[in-house]
Amino acid sequence: MLVKGSSNFVLRQAILPVLSLILALAGTALSQAQSTSLPSAPVPNSSSVSNPYFGSVTLHPATGEVMKLSLDDAVSRGLGTNLGLKEAETSEKTLHGEELEALQYFLPTVTVTGGTSVHEYNLAAFGFAPGFISKLGGLFPGGFPTNLSFITKADVTTGQVNWDQLLFSGPIIDGYKAVRAAEKSAYFGTQSARGEVVQQVATAYLAVIAAQSEVENAQSLLQADKVLLDQAHAKHEAGTVANLDELRARVQYQQQQQTVVANENKREKAEILLKREIGIAPGQKILLTDPAPYNDLAKRTPEDLRAEAYENRQDYQNAQAQHREAEMVLAARKKERLPTLSFSGNYGVTGVNGVGYHGTLSAIGTLSVPIFKEGTLRGDRDVAKSQLTGAELQLGDLRSHIDEQVRSALLDVQANQQLVEVARSNVELATKALSDESDRFNAGLDDTLPLVQAQSTLATAQTTLVESLYQYNLAKLRLARSAGVLEQQYRTYLGR
């Protein structure tokens, strides 16, 4: 066995590649940590350049048929085509490939080599000049042949099987554990990205439902305004009401026409945003098959939700994996002082000028012991310590942030549920008020002014109810996301 007391070559050559890989993986894993803040609903000018979750991969061109789309269909399409999720999956695959590269340091490397070469030698250049040969001639019976050529040729054919394997290295063992932790971190990053996609797609789907409800309410009021206008015109022609009443009714009807156009435009733009997030061509016509969901969420306590979040939140598990990775990097840095043991060898055959082949072999065991490289060793250790401290601080902060998010999301759900109940009551009251005022107008007890005001009140109440339902459902989605169960339980939280 060959023993080398060197700190400059063999040890550093063995561990530097994998340690460099570890540091690169550490940066990659940190960049994949998902934001702990809950995302907001997409806005019309949102771009996949600033947020990849607002983009997708369009798989098929638009057709002339109407595509029926349920919420489950939309979520499934989003998980299959969303740009942000695809990027997260690509990063995870990259880390998996690098983990396999790190694994190779523990496996033997076996190579086979072979070749044929032609060599030409000048014996005089090696010291076998004619004078030297003549001096040696007397030592041999009959002397050297007189026709000896000082230019010789040799055909050499070789074949070898080479074996190289690292038997022990503390830094590489812990370094591989760090790589595994980085890969696990990337996995949780991908799972967190899936939750992000579910929330973005569900939010966009609910936005289209809300916009469609606004259109239907506006069209219903437009029909009522048309009836009012026709009645006012007939009464004006009969001379029972003044021209001012007909003018009020006509203005109200035309304003409602504008509202219908604006709401239809809003709905179409909301559909475009939804289609962009789930990989449907912008020109494809779609029909949402699910109505606006509504249900009273079961009573939950902040303590139960927090415990559920610590168990299921992918970003929390991601942070734990990053903390584990930082621990392994520090352990690897500390073990740079340990010896490294490796083995290499080969077996083959060599033949010269076709006179026959002979086996050749070598077996080398190398023990590398670091003697002195204190500056580098201490610097590596201090850097790893600071990274571990940062990971510990981030993990502790995330625990507190999860508690804050759960409590805030639960308060939003409770508040929005009360707003929905009030909004429903207001719609019922405004509908009854409009009915009563219509009876008074038809009986000739009031002119069109109170009737127009009652219609405006109903329109406002309906708009408020639609917005309240939308915000209530978004609050439930945020609560499910803060608990880490959005992908598995979004149907339950929405009451589908």
Protein backbone atom coordinates (compact mmCIF):
# COMPACT_ATOMS: atom_id res chain seq x y z
CA MET A 1 0.00 0.00 0.00
CA LEU A 2 1.29 3.43 -0.91
CA VAL A 3 1.01 6.00 1.91
CA LYS A 4 1.10 9.69 1.02
CA GLY A 5 1.23 12.43 3.64
CA SER A 6 -0.02 15.18 1.37
CA SER A 7 -2.68 17.81 1.93
CA ASN A 8 -2.37 19.47 -1.47
CA PHE A 9 -3.16 16.94 -4.10
CA VAL A 10 -4.76 13.55 -3.52
CA LEU A 11 -7.26 14.58 -0.82
CA ARG A 12 -8.32 17.80 -2.52
CA GLN A 13 -8.54 16.05 -5.89
CA ALA A 14 -10.87 13.46 -4.34
CA ILE A 15 -13.26 15.77 -2.48
CA LEU A 16 -13.22 19.06 -4.34
CA PRO A 17 -15.53 17.96 -7.17
CA VAL A 18 -18.25 16.67 -4.89
CA LEU A 19 -17.93 19.56 -2.41
CA SER A 20 -18.23 22.04 -5.28
CA LEU A 21 -21.34 20.16 -6.38
CA ILE A 22 -22.73 20.41 -2.82
CA LEU A 23 -22.28 24.17 -2.72
CA ALA A 24 -23.96 24.52 -6.10
CA LEU A 25 -26.85 22.35 -4.94
CA ALA A 26 -27.21 24.40 -1.77
CA GLY A 27 -27.73 27.54 -3.82
CA THR A 28 -30.18 25.78 -6.12
CA ALA A 29 -32.23 24.43 -3.23
CA LEU A 30 -32.41 27.82 -1.57
CA SER A 31 -33.61 29.40 -4.80
CA GLN A 32 -36.34 26.76 -5.02
CA ALA A 33 -37.75 27.58 -1.57
CA GLN A 34 -41.29 28.63 -2.16
CA SER A 35 -42.49 31.98 -0.91
CA THR A 36 -44.29 31.72 2.40
CA SER A 37 -46.73 34.48 1.49
CA LEU A 38 -50.03 33.45 0.01
CA PRO A 39 -50.45 34.46 -3.66
CA SER A 40 -52.93 37.03 -4.83
CA ALA A 41 -55.49 36.62 -7.55
CA PRO A 42 -54.25 37.25 -11.10
CA VAL A 43 -54.78 40.71 -12.50
CA PRO A 44 -55.34 41.60 -16.15
CA ASN A 45 -51.76 42.78 -16.69
CA SER A 46 -50.14 39.85 -14.87
CA SER A 47 -47.27 38.35 -16.83
CA SER A 48 -45.51 34.99 -16.84
CA VAL A 49 -42.25 36.94 -17.06
CA SER A 50 -42.71 38.27 -13.52
CA ASN A 51 -44.60 35.21 -12.24
CA PRO A 52 -44.37 31.91 -14.18
CA TYR A 53 -47.58 30.67 -12.53
CA PHE A 54 -49.48 33.12 -14.74
CA GLY A 55 -48.32 31.20 -17.83
CA SER A 56 -48.76 27.75 -19.33
CA VAL A 57 -47.84 25.49 -22.21
CA THR A 58 -50.60 25.51 -24.85
CA LEU A 59 -51.02 21.96 -26.12
CA HIS A 60 -53.76 22.29 -28.76
CA PRO A 61 -55.00 25.05 -31.07
CA ALA A 62 -58.48 26.52 -30.73
CA THR A 63 -61.42 24.68 -32.30
CA GLY A 64 -64.91 25.77 -33.25
CA GLU A 65 -66.55 23.65 -30.56
CA VAL A 66 -67.43 24.85 -27.07
CA MET A 67 -65.26 23.16 -24.43
CA LYS A 68 -67.10 22.28 -21.22
CA LEU A 69 -64.87 22.86 -18.24
CA SER A 70 -65.42 21.88 -14.61
CA LEU A 71 -63.26 23.06 -11.74
CA ASP A 72 -61.64 19.63 -11.49
CA ASP A 73 -60.88 19.70 -15.23
CA ALA A 74 -59.32 23.15 -14.90
CA VAL A 75 -57.14 22.08 -11.96
CA SER A 76 -56.04 18.94 -13.81
CA ARG A 77 -55.12 20.96 -16.89
CA GLY A 78 -53.25 23.47 -14.77
CA LEU A 79 -51.20 20.75 -13.09
CA GLY A 80 -50.32 19.39 -16.52
CA THR A 81 -49.43 22.61 -18.32
CA ASN A 82 -48.68 25.42 -15.85
CA LEU A 83 -45.35 27.06 -16.60
CA GLY A 84 -44.33 27.62 -12.98
CA LEU A 85 -44.92 23.97 -12.10
CA LYS A 86 -43.01 22.79 -15.17
CA GLU A 87 -40.02 24.88 -14.09
CA ALA A 88 -40.16 23.39 -10.58
CA GLU A 89 -40.34 19.86 -11.99
CA THR A 90 -37.38 20.57 -14.26
CA SER A 91 -35.33 21.80 -11.29
CA GLU A 92 -36.21 18.66 -9.35
CA LYS A 93 -35.10 16.45 -12.24
CA THR A 94 -31.84 18.39 -12.46
CA LEU A 95 -31.13 17.83 -8.78
CA HIS A 96 -31.97 14.15 -9.13
CA GLY A 97 -29.42 13.88 -11.91
CA GLU A 98 -26.79 15.62 -9.79
CA GLU A 99 -27.60 13.28 -6.91
CA LEU A 100 -26.79 10.37 -9.22
CA GLU A 101 -23.52 12.08 -10.13
CA ALA A 102 -22.64 12.34 -6.44
CA LEU A 103 -23.54 8.66 -5.94
CA GLN A 104 -20.89 7.72 -8.49
CA TYR A 105 -18.18 8.68 -5.98
CA PHE A 106 -19.16 5.61 -3.92
CA LEU A 107 -19.29 3.22 -6.88
CA PRO A 108 -16.35 1.67 -8.70
CA THR A 109 -15.32 3.15 -12.01
CA VAL A 110 -14.46 0.38 -14.48
CA THR A 111 -13.02 1.16 -17.89
CA VAL A 112 -11.66 -1.02 -20.68
CA THR A 113 -8.85 0.24 -22.89
CA GLY A 114 -7.06 -1.31 -25.79
CA GLY A 115 -4.97 -0.32 -28.76
CA THR A 116 -2.17 -1.07 -31.15
CA SER A 117 0.85 1.19 -31.57
CA VAL A 118 3.97 1.24 -33.73
CA HIS A 119 7.24 2.43 -32.17
CA GLU A 120 10.57 3.20 -33.88
CA TYR A 121 13.75 3.52 -31.79
CA ASN A 122 17.25 4.82 -32.53
CA LEU A 123 19.59 2.63 -30.47
CA ALA A 124 22.42 5.10 -30.88
CA ALA A 125 20.30 7.75 -29.18
CA PHE A 126 19.95 5.41 -26.19
CA GLY A 127 23.74 5.00 -25.89
CA PHE A 128 24.23 1.92 -28.07
CA ALA A 129 26.71 3.52 -30.50
CA PRO A 130 28.82 1.32 -32.89
CA GLY A 131 31.93 1.74 -30.70
CA PHE A 132 30.09 0.59 -27.62
CA ILE A 133 28.68 -2.41 -29.47
CA SER A 134 32.13 -3.46 -30.68
CA LYS A 135 33.42 -3.40 -27.10
CA LEU A 136 30.64 -5.69 -26.01
CA GLY A 137 31.15 -8.07 -28.94
CA GLY A 138 34.02 -9.86 -27.25
CA LEU A 139 31.79 -10.88 -24.38
CA PHE A 140 29.63 -13.04 -26.62
CA PRO A 141 30.68 -16.10 -28.60
CA GLY A 142 30.84 -15.21 -32.26
CA GLY A 143 30.30 -11.51 -31.42
CA PHE A 144 27.34 -9.35 -32.44
CA PRO A 145 25.92 -9.72 -35.92
CA THR A 146 27.65 -7.39 -38.29
CA ASN A 147 24.38 -6.46 -39.97
CA LEU A 148 22.80 -5.13 -36.75
CA SER A 149 20.53 -2.18 -37.48
CA PHE A 150 20.57 0.72 -35.05
CA ILE A 151 17.03 1.72 -36.13
CA THR A 152 14.50 -0.77 -34.71
CA LYS A 153 10.72 -1.01 -34.87
CA ALA A 154 8.25 -2.62 -32.47
CA ASP A 155 4.52 -3.25 -32.83
CA VAL A 156 2.85 -3.18 -29.39
CA THR A 157 -0.72 -4.37 -28.74
CA THR A 158 -2.27 -3.84 -25.30
CA GLY A 159 -5.61 -4.47 -23.61
CA GLN A 160 -6.51 -3.46 -20.02
CA VAL A 161 -9.39 -3.44 -17.55
CA ASN A 162 -9.03 -0.54 -15.10
CA TRP A 163 -10.71 -0.29 -11.67
CA ASP A 164 -10.90 2.86 -9.50
CA GLN A 165 -12.89 3.13 -6.28
CA LEU A 166 -13.02 5.41 -3.27
CA LEU A 167 -13.14 3.26 -0.14
CA PHE A 168 -13.57 5.95 2.54
CA SER A 169 -13.89 9.73 2.67
CA GLY A 170 -15.71 11.53 5.48
CA PRO A 171 -16.41 14.70 3.47
CA ILE A 172 -17.83 12.81 0.53
CA ILE A 173 -20.08 10.64 2.74
CA ASP A 174 -21.64 13.66 4.43
CA GLY A 175 -21.54 15.54 1.17
CA TYR A 176 -23.69 12.88 -0.45
CA LYS A 177 -26.16 13.18 2.44
CA ALA A 178 -26.32 16.91 1.76
CA VAL A 179 -27.04 16.23 -1.91
CA ARG A 180 -29.86 13.89 -0.91
CA ALA A 181 -31.28 16.59 1.37
CA ALA A 182 -31.09 19.09 -1.51
CA GLU A 183 -32.99 16.68 -3.75
CA LYS A 184 -35.62 16.21 -1.05
CA SER A 185 -35.88 19.98 -0.74
CA ALA A 186 -36.49 20.22 -4.47
CA TYR A 187 -39.21 17.57 -4.19
CA PHE A 188 -41.06 19.58 -1.56
CA GLY A 189 -40.54 22.66 -3.70
CA THR A 190 -42.36 20.89 -6.52
CA GLN A 191 -45.19 19.86 -4.20
CA SER A 192 -45.50 23.44 -3.00
CA ALA A 193 -45.62 24.54 -6.63
CA ARG A 194 -48.54 22.16 -7.20
CA GLY A 195 -50.44 23.86 -4.37
CA GLU A 196 -49.65 27.22 -5.96
CA VAL A 197 -51.10 26.03 -9.27
CA VAL A 198 -54.28 24.71 -7.63
CA GLN A 199 -54.82 28.04 -5.90
CA GLN A 200 -54.13 30.11 -9.00
CA VAL A 201 -56.38 27.99 -11.21
CA ALA A 202 -59.21 27.80 -8.67
CA THR A 203 -58.99 31.56 -8.14
CA ALA A 204 -59.18 32.21 -11.87
CA TYR A 205 -62.09 29.76 -12.23
CA LEU A 206 -64.02 31.44 -9.41
CA ALA A 207 -63.31 34.83 -10.98
CA VAL A 208 -65.00 33.68 -14.21
CA ILE A 209 -67.98 32.36 -12.22
CA ALA A 210 -68.28 35.71 -10.42
CA ALA A 211 -68.05 37.61 -13.70
CA GLN A 212 -70.72 35.37 -15.24
CA SER A 213 -72.99 36.01 -12.24
CA GLU A 214 -72.53 39.74 -12.75
CA VAL A 215 -73.54 39.35 -16.41
CA GLU A 216 -76.65 37.35 -15.53
CA ASN A 217 -77.70 39.85 -12.86
CA ALA A 218 -77.15 42.75 -15.25
CA GLN A 219 -79.14 41.04 -18.02
CA SER A 220 -81.98 40.33 -15.58
CA LEU A 221 -82.11 43.98 -14.56
CA LEU A 222 -81.92 45.00 -18.21
CA GLN A 223 -85.06 43.00 -18.93
CA ALA A 224 -86.80 44.63 -15.94
CA ASP A 225 -85.71 48.06 -17.19
CA LYS A 226 -87.11 47.25 -20.65
CA VAL A 227 -90.47 46.39 -19.08
CA LEU A 228 -90.38 49.63 -17.10
CA LEU A 229 -89.53 51.64 -20.22
CA ASP A 230 -92.36 50.06 -22.18
CA GLN A 231 -94.82 50.77 -19.37
CA ALA A 232 -93.64 54.38 -18.99
CA HIS A 233 -93.89 54.94 -22.73
CA ALA A 234 -97.42 53.50 -22.84
CA LYS A 235 -98.55 55.65 -19.92
CA HIS A 236 -96.97 58.71 -21.47
CA GLU A 237 -98.79 58.02 -24.72
CA ALA A 238 -101.99 57.62 -22.73
CA GLY A 239 -101.30 60.93 -20.96
CA THR A 240 -101.30 59.44 -17.45
CA VAL A 241 -97.62 60.21 -16.68
CA ALA A 242 -95.32 63.05 -17.62
CA ASN A 243 -92.64 62.85 -20.29
CA LEU A 244 -90.04 63.05 -17.49
CA ASP A 245 -90.99 59.58 -16.27
CA GLU A 246 -90.39 58.08 -19.70
CA LEU A 247 -87.04 59.88 -19.97
CA ARG A 248 -85.95 58.51 -16.57
CA ALA A 249 -86.92 55.00 -17.64
CA ARG A 250 -85.04 55.35 -20.94
CA VAL A 251 -81.88 56.66 -19.23
CA GLN A 252 -82.04 53.80 -16.73
CA TYR A 253 -82.42 51.27 -19.55
CA GLN A 254 -79.46 52.65 -21.51
CA GLN A 255 -77.26 52.78 -18.42
CA GLN A 256 -78.09 49.15 -17.76
CA GLN A 257 -77.15 48.33 -21.35
CA GLN A 258 -73.73 49.84 -20.65
CA THR A 259 -73.44 47.75 -17.49
CA VAL A 260 -74.22 44.56 -19.44
CA VAL A 261 -71.55 45.36 -22.05
CA ALA A 262 -68.96 46.15 -19.36
CA ASN A 263 -69.72 42.97 -17.42
CA GLU A 264 -69.57 40.80 -20.54
CA ASN A 265 -66.18 42.31 -21.37
CA LYS A 266 -65.01 41.62 -17.82
CA ARG A 267 -66.15 38.00 -18.08
CA GLU A 268 -64.38 37.43 -21.41
CA LYS A 269 -61.13 38.84 -20.04
CA ALA A 270 -61.45 36.64 -16.95
CA GLU A 271 -61.89 33.62 -19.25
CA ILE A 272 -58.71 34.57 -21.13
CA LEU A 273 -56.76 34.67 -17.86
CA LEU A 274 -58.14 31.26 -16.90
CA LYS A 275 -57.28 29.75 -20.27
CA ARG A 276 -53.76 31.16 -20.10
CA GLU A 277 -53.13 29.39 -16.79
CA ILE A 278 -54.38 25.96 -17.89
CA GLY A 279 -52.94 25.72 -21.38
CA ILE A 280 -56.05 26.42 -23.47
CA ALA A 281 -55.72 28.59 -26.57
CA PRO A 282 -57.08 32.12 -25.96
CA GLY A 283 -59.53 31.82 -28.86
CA GLN A 284 -61.08 28.57 -27.62
CA LYS A 285 -64.69 28.95 -26.44
CA ILE A 286 -65.32 27.46 -23.01
CA LEU A 287 -68.37 26.83 -20.84
CA LEU A 288 -67.95 26.50 -17.09
CA THR A 289 -70.10 23.69 -15.74
CA ASP A 290 -69.73 24.33 -11.99
CA PRO A 291 -71.88 26.98 -10.27
CA ALA A 292 -70.60 29.34 -7.61
CA PRO A 293 -69.86 27.06 -4.63
CA TYR A 294 -71.08 27.97 -1.16
CA ASN A 295 -71.03 26.09 2.12
CA ASP A 296 -70.45 26.79 5.78
CA LEU A 297 -67.01 25.53 6.69
CA ALA A 298 -66.78 23.24 9.70
CA LYS A 299 -65.56 24.86 12.88
CA ARG A 300 -61.77 24.83 13.15
CA THR A 301 -59.44 26.16 15.81
CA PRO A 302 -56.13 27.90 15.13
CA GLU A 303 -54.32 25.24 17.15
CA ASP A 304 -55.71 22.38 15.04
CA LEU A 305 -54.94 24.19 11.79
CA ARG A 306 -51.42 25.05 12.93
CA ALA A 307 -50.67 21.42 13.81
CA GLU A 308 -52.05 20.34 10.44
CA ALA A 309 -49.92 22.94 8.69
CA TYR A 310 -46.71 21.80 10.42
CA GLU A 311 -47.45 18.28 9.21
CA ASN A 312 -48.52 19.05 5.66
CA ARG A 313 -47.03 22.38 4.52
CA GLN A 314 -44.58 21.63 1.73
CA ASP A 315 -42.68 24.89 2.21
CA TYR A 316 -42.13 23.97 5.88
CA GLN A 317 -40.89 20.52 4.90
CA ASN A 318 -38.74 22.21 2.27
CA ALA A 319 -37.17 24.43 4.94
CA GLN A 320 -36.54 21.39 7.14
CA ALA A 321 -34.78 19.65 4.24
CA GLN A 322 -32.65 22.75 3.64
CA HIS A 323 -31.73 22.80 7.33
CA ARG A 324 -30.71 19.14 7.08
CA GLU A 325 -28.68 19.94 3.98
CA ALA A 326 -26.83 22.75 5.82
CA GLU A 327 -26.07 20.34 8.68
CA MET A 328 -24.57 17.81 6.28
CA VAL A 329 -22.50 20.47 4.52
CA LEU A 330 -21.05 21.56 7.87
CA ALA A 331 -20.33 17.93 8.79
CA ALA A 332 -18.58 17.45 5.44
CA ARG A 333 -16.46 20.55 6.01
CA LYS A 334 -15.42 19.36 9.46
CA LYS A 335 -14.40 15.95 8.09
CA GLU A 336 -12.05 17.43 5.52
CA ARG A 337 -9.35 16.77 8.16
CA LEU A 338 -9.93 12.99 8.03
CA PRO A 339 -7.85 10.64 5.87
CA THR A 340 -9.15 9.43 2.54
CA LEU A 341 -8.65 5.85 1.35
CA SER A 342 -8.93 4.80 -2.28
CA PHE A 343 -7.96 1.88 -4.50
CA SER A 344 -7.03 1.66 -8.14
CA GLY A 345 -5.76 -1.16 -10.27
CA ASN A 346 -5.76 -2.74 -13.69
CA TYR A 347 -5.21 -6.04 -15.41
CA GLY A 348 -4.36 -6.54 -19.05
CA VAL A 349 -2.18 -8.22 -21.66
CA THR A 350 0.64 -6.83 -23.78
CA GLY A 351 2.11 -8.28 -26.95
CA VAL A 352 5.20 -7.10 -28.89
CA ASN A 353 5.81 -7.82 -32.60
CA GLY A 354 3.41 -10.76 -32.52
CA VAL A 355 5.81 -12.94 -30.47
CA GLY A 356 3.18 -13.56 -27.83
CA TYR A 357 1.18 -11.89 -25.08
CA HIS A 358 1.90 -11.59 -21.42
CA GLY A 359 -0.40 -10.55 -18.59
CA THR A 360 0.19 -7.27 -16.76
CA LEU A 361 -1.42 -5.99 -13.57
CA SER A 362 -1.17 -3.29 -10.93
CA ALA A 363 -2.90 -2.72 -7.58
CA ILE A 364 -2.48 0.55 -5.69
CA GLY A 365 -4.02 1.51 -2.36
CA THR A 366 -3.74 5.19 -1.51
CA LEU A 367 -4.14 6.72 1.94
CA SER A 368 -4.23 10.51 1.84
CA VAL A 369 -3.72 12.37 5.11
CA PRO A 370 -4.13 16.16 5.29
CA ILE A 371 -1.16 17.66 7.13
CA PHE A 372 -1.70 21.40 7.08
CA LYS A 373 -4.14 23.58 5.17
CA GLU A 374 -5.60 25.43 8.11
CA GLY A 375 -6.80 28.57 6.35
CA THR A 376 -8.92 26.71 3.82
CA LEU A 377 -10.26 24.21 6.33
CA ARG A 378 -11.30 26.84 8.86
CA GLY A 379 -12.76 29.08 6.18
CA ASP A 380 -14.86 26.24 4.75
CA ARG A 381 -16.10 25.38 8.24
CA ASP A 382 -17.02 28.99 9.12
CA VAL A 383 -18.94 29.45 5.87
CA ALA A 384 -20.88 26.22 6.48
CA LYS A 385 -21.64 27.33 10.06
CA SER A 386 -23.08 30.62 8.85
CA GLN A 387 -25.24 28.82 6.30
CA LEU A 388 -26.56 26.49 9.01
CA THR A 389 -27.33 29.44 11.28
CA GLY A 390 -29.23 31.11 8.46
CA ALA A 391 -31.22 27.94 7.79
CA GLU A 392 -32.11 27.65 11.50
CA LEU A 393 -33.30 31.26 11.62
CA GLN A 394 -35.41 30.82 8.49
CA LEU A 395 -36.97 27.63 9.85
CA GLY A 396 -37.89 29.33 13.13
CA ASP A 397 -39.29 32.35 11.33
CA LEU A 398 -41.36 30.11 9.06
CA ARG A 399 -42.92 28.35 12.05
CA SER A 400 -44.08 31.70 13.41
CA HIS A 401 -45.20 32.82 9.98
CA ILE A 402 -47.30 29.68 9.52
CA ASP A 403 -49.03 30.36 12.83
CA GLU A 404 -49.73 33.92 11.69
CA GLN A 405 -51.02 32.81 8.28
CA VAL A 406 -53.36 30.20 9.74
CA ARG A 407 -54.87 32.64 12.21
CA SER A 408 -55.25 35.40 9.61
CA ALA A 409 -56.80 33.05 7.05
CA LEU A 410 -59.26 31.71 9.62
CA LEU A 411 -60.31 35.25 10.57
CA ASP A 412 -60.82 36.08 6.88
CA VAL A 413 -63.06 33.03 6.44
CA GLN A 414 -65.17 33.94 9.44
CA ALA A 415 -65.49 37.59 8.43
CA ASN A 416 -66.34 36.83 4.81
CA GLN A 417 -68.93 34.27 5.86
CA GLN A 418 -70.72 36.97 7.84
CA LEU A 419 -70.46 39.36 4.89
CA VAL A 420 -72.10 36.75 2.64
CA GLU A 421 -74.98 36.34 5.07
CA VAL A 422 -75.52 40.11 5.23
CA ALA A 423 -75.26 40.41 1.45
CA ARG A 424 -77.85 37.66 0.95
CA SER A 425 -80.22 39.43 3.32
CA ASN A 426 -79.69 42.73 1.48
CA VAL A 427 -80.54 41.12 -1.87
CA GLU A 428 -83.73 39.66 -0.43
CA LEU A 429 -84.74 43.03 1.04
CA ALA A 430 -83.84 44.94 -2.13
CA THR A 431 -85.81 42.43 -4.24
CA LYS A 432 -88.89 42.85 -2.02
CA ALA A 433 -88.52 46.65 -2.08
CA LEU A 434 -88.35 46.64 -5.88
CA SER A 435 -91.43 44.40 -6.08
CA ASP A 436 -93.38 46.73 -3.78
CA GLU A 437 -92.30 49.81 -5.69
CA SER A 438 -93.26 48.17 -9.00
CA ASP A 439 -96.76 47.57 -7.60
CA ARG A 440 -97.01 51.21 -6.52
CA PHE A 441 -95.86 52.40 -9.94
CA ASN A 442 -98.30 50.14 -11.75
CA ALA A 443 -101.08 51.41 -9.48
CA GLY A 444 -100.19 55.00 -10.33
CA LEU A 445 -99.21 55.89 -6.76
CA ASP A 446 -95.56 56.73 -7.58
CA ASP A 447 -93.62 57.95 -10.60
CA THR A 448 -90.52 56.25 -12.02
CA LEU A 449 -87.98 57.92 -9.71
CA PRO A 450 -88.54 55.65 -6.66
CA LEU A 451 -88.66 52.64 -9.00
CA VAL A 452 -85.32 53.54 -10.61
CA GLN A 453 -83.80 54.01 -7.17
CA ALA A 454 -85.09 50.61 -6.05
CA GLN A 455 -83.58 48.96 -9.14
CA SER A 456 -80.22 50.65 -8.47
CA THR A 457 -80.32 49.42 -4.88
CA LEU A 458 -80.98 45.86 -6.05
CA ALA A 459 -78.15 46.05 -8.59
CA THR A 460 -75.74 47.21 -5.89
CA ALA A 461 -76.89 44.46 -3.51
CA GLN A 462 -76.46 41.77 -6.18
CA THR A 463 -72.97 43.01 -7.05
CA THR A 464 -72.02 43.02 -3.38
CA LEU A 465 -73.32 39.46 -2.96
CA VAL A 466 -71.33 38.21 -5.95
CA GLU A 467 -68.17 39.86 -4.66
CA SER A 468 -68.80 38.55 -1.12
CA LEU A 469 -69.21 34.97 -2.38
CA TYR A 470 -66.05 35.31 -4.45
CA GLN A 471 -64.02 36.66 -1.52
CA TYR A 472 -65.45 34.00 0.81
CA ASN A 473 -64.36 31.21 -1.50
CA LEU A 474 -60.93 32.79 -1.93
CA ALA A 475 -60.59 33.00 1.84
CA LYS A 476 -61.37 29.28 2.14
CA LEU A 477 -58.77 28.51 -0.53
CA ARG A 478 -56.19 30.54 1.38
CA LEU A 479 -57.10 28.71 4.57
CA ALA A 480 -56.64 25.33 2.87
CA ARG A 481 -53.33 26.53 1.43
CA SER A 482 -52.12 27.80 4.80
CA ALA A 483 -52.93 24.37 6.27
CA GLY A 484 -51.03 22.62 3.45
CA VAL A 485 -54.01 20.57 2.20
CA LEU A 486 -55.20 22.62 -0.75
CA GLU A 487 -54.52 20.10 -3.52
CA GLN A 488 -56.13 17.24 -1.58
CA GLN A 489 -59.10 19.09 -0.03
CA TYR A 490 -60.02 22.09 -2.20
CA ARG A 491 -63.32 20.38 -3.05
CA THR A 492 -64.16 20.02 0.64
CA TYR A 493 -63.29 23.60 1.47
CA LEU A 494 -65.32 24.94 -1.44
CA GLY A 495 -68.26 22.70 -0.59
CA ARG A 496 -68.43 20.86 -3.89
